[in-house]
Structures are given as C-alpha cells and as structure tokens.
N, C-alpha and C. Protein backbone atom coordinates (compact mmCIF):
# COMPACT_ATOMS: atom_id res chain seq x y z
N UNK A 1 89.04 69.40 71.38
CA UNK A 1 89.59 68.32 70.54
C UNK A 1 90.68 67.54 71.27
N UNK A 2 91.03 66.43 70.69
CA UNK A 2 92.07 65.54 71.22
C UNK A 2 93.38 65.82 70.49
N UNK A 3 94.48 65.89 71.22
CA UNK A 3 95.81 66.02 70.61
C UNK A 3 96.45 64.63 70.57
N UNK A 4 97.09 64.31 69.45
CA UNK A 4 97.79 63.04 69.29
C UNK A 4 99.22 63.36 68.88
N UNK A 5 100.19 62.94 69.71
CA UNK A 5 101.60 63.19 69.44
C UNK A 5 102.30 61.85 69.25
N UNK A 6 102.84 61.62 68.06
CA UNK A 6 103.46 60.33 67.75
C UNK A 6 104.91 60.55 67.35
N UNK A 7 105.82 59.91 68.08
CA UNK A 7 107.24 59.94 67.75
C UNK A 7 107.64 58.55 67.29
N UNK A 8 107.89 58.44 66.00
CA UNK A 8 108.30 57.12 65.49
C UNK A 8 109.42 57.24 64.46
N UNK A 9 110.15 58.32 64.47
CA UNK A 9 111.27 58.41 63.54
C UNK A 9 112.56 58.13 64.30
N UNK A 10 113.29 59.14 64.70
CA UNK A 10 114.54 58.92 65.44
C UNK A 10 114.30 58.30 66.81
N UNK A 11 113.11 58.48 67.37
CA UNK A 11 112.80 57.97 68.71
C UNK A 11 112.77 56.44 68.73
N UNK A 12 112.51 55.81 67.59
CA UNK A 12 112.46 54.34 67.55
C UNK A 12 113.81 53.75 67.97
N UNK A 13 114.90 54.34 67.50
CA UNK A 13 116.21 53.80 67.85
C UNK A 13 116.57 54.11 69.30
N UNK A 14 115.98 55.16 69.88
CA UNK A 14 116.27 55.54 71.26
C UNK A 14 115.41 54.78 72.27
N UNK A 15 114.18 54.49 71.90
CA UNK A 15 113.24 53.83 72.83
C UNK A 15 112.33 52.91 72.04
N UNK A 16 112.81 51.71 71.78
CA UNK A 16 112.05 50.76 70.96
C UNK A 16 110.67 50.46 71.56
N UNK A 17 110.53 50.60 72.88
CA UNK A 17 109.24 50.32 73.52
C UNK A 17 108.18 51.35 73.12
N UNK A 18 108.61 52.51 72.59
CA UNK A 18 107.66 53.54 72.14
C UNK A 18 107.03 53.18 70.80
N UNK A 19 107.66 52.27 70.07
CA UNK A 19 107.14 51.93 68.75
C UNK A 19 105.92 51.05 68.87
N UNK A 20 104.91 51.40 68.12
CA UNK A 20 103.70 50.61 68.05
C UNK A 20 103.28 50.57 66.59
N UNK A 21 102.96 49.39 66.05
CA UNK A 21 102.52 49.33 64.65
C UNK A 21 101.36 50.29 64.42
N UNK A 22 101.38 50.94 63.27
CA UNK A 22 100.39 51.99 63.00
C UNK A 22 98.95 51.48 63.02
N UNK A 23 98.72 50.24 62.60
CA UNK A 23 97.36 49.70 62.61
C UNK A 23 96.88 49.53 64.05
N UNK A 24 97.74 49.04 64.92
CA UNK A 24 97.38 48.86 66.33
C UNK A 24 97.16 50.22 67.00
N UNK A 25 98.00 51.19 66.68
CA UNK A 25 97.82 52.53 67.24
C UNK A 25 96.49 53.12 66.79
N UNK A 26 96.16 52.92 65.50
CA UNK A 26 94.89 53.43 64.99
C UNK A 26 93.71 52.83 65.74
N UNK A 27 93.76 51.54 65.99
CA UNK A 27 92.67 50.87 66.73
C UNK A 27 92.51 51.47 68.13
N UNK A 28 93.63 51.69 68.81
CA UNK A 28 93.58 52.29 70.15
C UNK A 28 93.05 53.71 70.09
N UNK A 29 93.48 54.46 69.09
CA UNK A 29 93.01 55.83 68.91
C UNK A 29 91.50 55.86 68.68
N UNK A 30 91.01 54.98 67.81
CA UNK A 30 89.56 54.90 67.56
C UNK A 30 88.79 54.58 68.83
N UNK A 31 89.32 53.67 69.64
CA UNK A 31 88.64 53.30 70.89
C UNK A 31 88.60 54.48 71.86
N UNK A 32 89.69 55.21 71.98
CA UNK A 32 89.74 56.38 72.86
C UNK A 32 88.78 57.46 72.37
N UNK A 33 88.75 57.69 71.07
CA UNK A 33 87.85 58.70 70.51
C UNK A 33 86.40 58.32 70.79
N UNK A 34 86.07 57.06 70.60
CA UNK A 34 84.69 56.62 70.83
C UNK A 34 84.33 56.73 72.31
N UNK A 35 85.23 56.25 73.16
CA UNK A 35 84.99 56.26 74.61
C UNK A 35 84.81 57.67 75.15
N UNK A 36 85.59 58.62 74.63
CA UNK A 36 85.57 59.98 75.17
C UNK A 36 84.74 60.96 74.33
N UNK A 37 84.18 60.48 73.24
CA UNK A 37 83.29 61.31 72.43
C UNK A 37 83.98 62.31 71.52
N UNK A 38 85.20 62.01 71.07
CA UNK A 38 85.90 62.90 70.15
C UNK A 38 85.57 62.53 68.71
N UNK A 39 85.25 63.55 67.91
CA UNK A 39 84.98 63.33 66.49
C UNK A 39 86.27 63.34 65.66
N UNK A 40 87.27 64.05 66.14
CA UNK A 40 88.52 64.19 65.41
C UNK A 40 89.65 64.49 66.36
N UNK A 41 90.82 64.79 65.76
CA UNK A 41 92.00 65.04 66.59
C UNK A 41 93.00 65.90 65.83
N UNK A 42 93.91 66.52 66.59
CA UNK A 42 95.03 67.25 66.03
C UNK A 42 96.23 66.31 66.11
N UNK A 43 96.91 66.10 65.00
CA UNK A 43 98.05 65.19 64.92
C UNK A 43 99.36 65.97 64.86
N UNK A 44 100.26 65.67 65.78
CA UNK A 44 101.61 66.23 65.76
C UNK A 44 102.59 65.07 65.61
N UNK A 45 103.32 65.07 64.52
CA UNK A 45 104.31 64.02 64.27
C UNK A 45 105.26 64.50 63.19
N UNK A 46 106.51 64.05 63.24
CA UNK A 46 107.43 64.37 62.16
C UNK A 46 107.56 63.20 61.18
N UNK A 47 106.70 62.19 61.36
CA UNK A 47 106.74 61.01 60.51
C UNK A 47 105.82 61.17 59.30
N UNK A 48 106.37 61.25 58.10
CA UNK A 48 105.50 61.35 56.92
C UNK A 48 104.62 60.12 56.75
N UNK A 49 105.13 58.95 57.10
CA UNK A 49 104.36 57.71 56.97
C UNK A 49 103.14 57.73 57.89
N UNK A 50 103.33 58.11 59.14
CA UNK A 50 102.23 58.17 60.11
C UNK A 50 101.20 59.22 59.67
N UNK A 51 101.67 60.39 59.23
CA UNK A 51 100.74 61.44 58.80
C UNK A 51 99.90 60.98 57.60
N UNK A 52 100.54 60.36 56.62
CA UNK A 52 99.80 59.86 55.44
C UNK A 52 98.78 58.80 55.85
N UNK A 53 99.21 57.87 56.69
CA UNK A 53 98.35 56.76 57.09
C UNK A 53 97.12 57.26 57.86
N UNK A 54 97.33 58.07 58.90
CA UNK A 54 96.20 58.52 59.70
C UNK A 54 95.29 59.45 58.90
N UNK A 55 95.86 60.27 58.03
CA UNK A 55 95.04 61.14 57.19
C UNK A 55 94.19 60.29 56.24
N UNK A 56 94.75 59.21 55.71
CA UNK A 56 93.98 58.34 54.81
C UNK A 56 92.88 57.59 55.56
N UNK A 57 93.10 57.29 56.82
CA UNK A 57 92.11 56.56 57.62
C UNK A 57 91.01 57.48 58.17
N UNK A 58 91.38 58.70 58.56
CA UNK A 58 90.44 59.58 59.24
C UNK A 58 89.99 60.79 58.42
N UNK A 59 90.64 61.05 57.30
CA UNK A 59 90.26 62.17 56.44
C UNK A 59 90.30 63.50 57.17
N UNK A 60 89.22 64.28 57.04
CA UNK A 60 89.15 65.61 57.64
C UNK A 60 89.08 65.59 59.16
N UNK A 61 88.87 64.43 59.74
CA UNK A 61 88.85 64.33 61.21
C UNK A 61 90.25 64.37 61.79
N UNK A 62 91.27 64.24 60.94
CA UNK A 62 92.68 64.34 61.33
C UNK A 62 93.20 65.69 60.85
N UNK A 63 93.46 66.58 61.79
CA UNK A 63 93.94 67.93 61.47
C UNK A 63 95.42 68.01 61.82
N UNK A 64 96.19 68.66 60.97
CA UNK A 64 97.62 68.78 61.23
C UNK A 64 98.15 70.15 60.84
N UNK A 65 99.24 70.51 61.46
CA UNK A 65 100.01 71.69 61.05
C UNK A 65 101.08 71.16 60.11
N UNK A 66 101.26 71.81 58.99
CA UNK A 66 102.22 71.30 58.00
C UNK A 66 103.65 71.68 58.36
N UNK A 67 104.19 70.92 59.30
CA UNK A 67 105.56 71.14 59.77
C UNK A 67 106.54 70.37 58.88
N UNK A 68 107.81 70.67 59.06
CA UNK A 68 108.86 69.96 58.34
C UNK A 68 108.89 68.51 58.83
N UNK A 69 108.96 67.57 57.92
CA UNK A 69 108.92 66.15 58.26
C UNK A 69 110.31 65.52 58.19
N UNK A 70 110.48 64.44 58.90
CA UNK A 70 111.72 63.67 58.83
C UNK A 70 111.82 63.02 57.46
N UNK A 71 113.01 62.57 57.14
CA UNK A 71 113.25 61.94 55.84
C UNK A 71 114.04 60.65 56.05
N UNK A 72 113.90 59.74 55.10
CA UNK A 72 114.66 58.49 55.17
C UNK A 72 116.11 58.72 54.77
N UNK A 73 117.02 58.19 55.56
CA UNK A 73 118.44 58.24 55.23
C UNK A 73 118.79 57.09 54.30
N UNK A 74 120.01 57.10 53.83
CA UNK A 74 120.47 56.03 52.93
C UNK A 74 120.42 54.66 53.59
N UNK A 75 120.53 54.62 54.93
CA UNK A 75 120.51 53.34 55.64
C UNK A 75 119.09 52.84 55.91
N UNK A 76 118.07 53.59 55.44
CA UNK A 76 116.69 53.17 55.61
C UNK A 76 116.05 53.62 56.91
N UNK A 77 116.80 54.35 57.74
CA UNK A 77 116.27 54.89 58.99
C UNK A 77 115.92 56.36 58.80
N UNK A 78 115.02 56.85 59.63
CA UNK A 78 114.64 58.26 59.54
C UNK A 78 115.68 59.16 60.17
N UNK A 79 115.93 60.28 59.51
CA UNK A 79 116.80 61.31 60.05
C UNK A 79 115.94 62.33 60.79
N UNK A 80 116.33 62.66 61.99
CA UNK A 80 115.54 63.57 62.82
C UNK A 80 115.59 64.98 62.24
N UNK A 81 114.43 65.62 62.20
CA UNK A 81 114.33 66.99 61.69
C UNK A 81 115.22 67.92 62.51
N UNK A 82 115.21 67.77 63.84
CA UNK A 82 115.98 68.68 64.68
C UNK A 82 117.49 68.54 64.51
N UNK A 83 117.93 67.48 63.85
CA UNK A 83 119.37 67.31 63.58
C UNK A 83 119.74 67.62 62.14
N UNK A 84 118.77 68.02 61.34
CA UNK A 84 118.99 68.31 59.92
C UNK A 84 119.48 69.75 59.76
N UNK A 85 120.74 69.91 59.43
CA UNK A 85 121.34 71.24 59.32
C UNK A 85 120.96 71.97 58.04
N UNK A 86 120.29 71.27 57.12
CA UNK A 86 119.86 71.94 55.88
C UNK A 86 118.56 72.74 56.09
N UNK A 87 117.92 72.54 57.23
CA UNK A 87 116.69 73.27 57.55
C UNK A 87 117.04 74.38 58.53
N UNK A 88 116.61 75.58 58.23
CA UNK A 88 116.91 76.73 59.09
C UNK A 88 116.38 76.51 60.51
N UNK A 89 117.17 76.93 61.47
CA UNK A 89 116.78 76.80 62.87
C UNK A 89 115.47 77.50 63.18
N UNK A 90 115.25 78.67 62.55
CA UNK A 90 114.02 79.42 62.78
C UNK A 90 112.81 78.60 62.34
N UNK A 91 112.92 77.92 61.21
CA UNK A 91 111.80 77.10 60.70
C UNK A 91 111.51 75.95 61.67
N UNK A 92 112.56 75.29 62.15
CA UNK A 92 112.36 74.19 63.08
C UNK A 92 111.73 74.69 64.38
N UNK A 93 112.20 75.82 64.88
CA UNK A 93 111.65 76.39 66.12
C UNK A 93 110.19 76.80 65.93
N UNK A 94 109.88 77.41 64.80
CA UNK A 94 108.50 77.81 64.51
C UNK A 94 107.58 76.60 64.48
N UNK A 95 108.02 75.52 63.83
CA UNK A 95 107.22 74.30 63.76
C UNK A 95 106.93 73.74 65.16
N UNK A 96 107.95 73.70 66.00
CA UNK A 96 107.77 73.17 67.36
C UNK A 96 106.80 74.04 68.15
N UNK A 97 106.99 75.35 68.09
CA UNK A 97 106.13 76.27 68.84
C UNK A 97 104.68 76.15 68.37
N UNK A 98 104.47 76.11 67.07
CA UNK A 98 103.11 76.01 66.54
C UNK A 98 102.43 74.71 66.99
N UNK A 99 103.15 73.60 66.89
CA UNK A 99 102.54 72.32 67.29
C UNK A 99 102.28 72.26 68.79
N UNK A 100 103.20 72.81 69.60
CA UNK A 100 102.99 72.82 71.05
C UNK A 100 101.78 73.69 71.41
N UNK A 101 101.66 74.85 70.79
CA UNK A 101 100.51 75.73 71.07
C UNK A 101 99.20 75.06 70.64
N UNK A 102 99.21 74.40 69.49
CA UNK A 102 97.99 73.73 69.03
C UNK A 102 97.63 72.55 69.93
N UNK A 103 98.63 71.77 70.34
CA UNK A 103 98.35 70.67 71.26
C UNK A 103 97.85 71.21 72.60
N UNK A 104 98.42 72.32 73.03
CA UNK A 104 98.03 72.91 74.31
C UNK A 104 96.61 73.43 74.31
N UNK A 105 96.06 73.71 73.14
CA UNK A 105 94.69 74.20 73.07
C UNK A 105 93.66 73.06 73.05
N UNK A 106 94.14 71.84 73.05
CA UNK A 106 93.25 70.67 73.04
C UNK A 106 92.83 70.31 74.47
N UNK A 107 91.75 69.55 74.59
CA UNK A 107 91.23 69.13 75.89
C UNK A 107 92.05 68.01 76.53
N UNK A 108 92.61 67.15 75.70
CA UNK A 108 93.35 65.99 76.18
C UNK A 108 94.42 65.62 75.16
N UNK A 109 95.38 64.79 75.59
CA UNK A 109 96.46 64.40 74.69
C UNK A 109 96.84 62.95 74.94
N UNK A 110 97.12 62.24 73.84
CA UNK A 110 97.74 60.92 73.93
C UNK A 110 99.04 61.00 73.16
N UNK A 111 100.02 60.24 73.62
CA UNK A 111 101.34 60.33 73.02
C UNK A 111 102.03 58.99 73.09
N UNK A 112 102.91 58.73 72.12
CA UNK A 112 103.73 57.53 72.17
C UNK A 112 104.99 57.83 72.93
C-alpha cells in the first residue's frame, strides 16, 4: 500500500510552502495512485479536516490509525498535538510509534 503523510496544522505557520489546498492534493494523490496502481492508502495526519475530507472522498480506500488529532485554538489556528499538555505523553508517543510503523510497512510514501 501507499503511505500518505500530511502536515497541515502547526506546520502551516512554520513552512507555508508545505500547504496545499486539499482539493489539489486529492487530485495529485489520485494521479499517483492511478499511475502506480494503488487501490488505497494509509493516511497519517493530525488534521481532523484533512482526515474527514479524504475519508469522504475515498471511503474504505483511505485507512487510518485513530490517533489524537489537533484542535482549533481560539485564534482560529490549529494547536499542535505534541504541544498539548492535556494529553498524556505516553498516548502521544504511542500514536507516533503506531503511525510510523504503519507507514514503514507500506511500499511507498508521499508527504507534504
């Protein structure tokens, strides 16, 4: 399978060039899947918006690990999961390890 890693929460403020509109990213993803013969993909992202969108577009072809997601702050920007002190460190570490192991078991990976 194909691994897809999308960082669009706190990373947007750090590297604006990494941001790509979700519709455009979906089009590129579809083209890569068609070109390389992938029926589906494993999605790793802390963005609830991206996860909802790609799941609605691809259905069961989009597989994910249910990790802790980022949340919107009062200023309208996403708060990074790894900086959220209300979430236990063990839970955050487990989520990262699980997603890395799952991505590592894939044949190929694309990332923002």
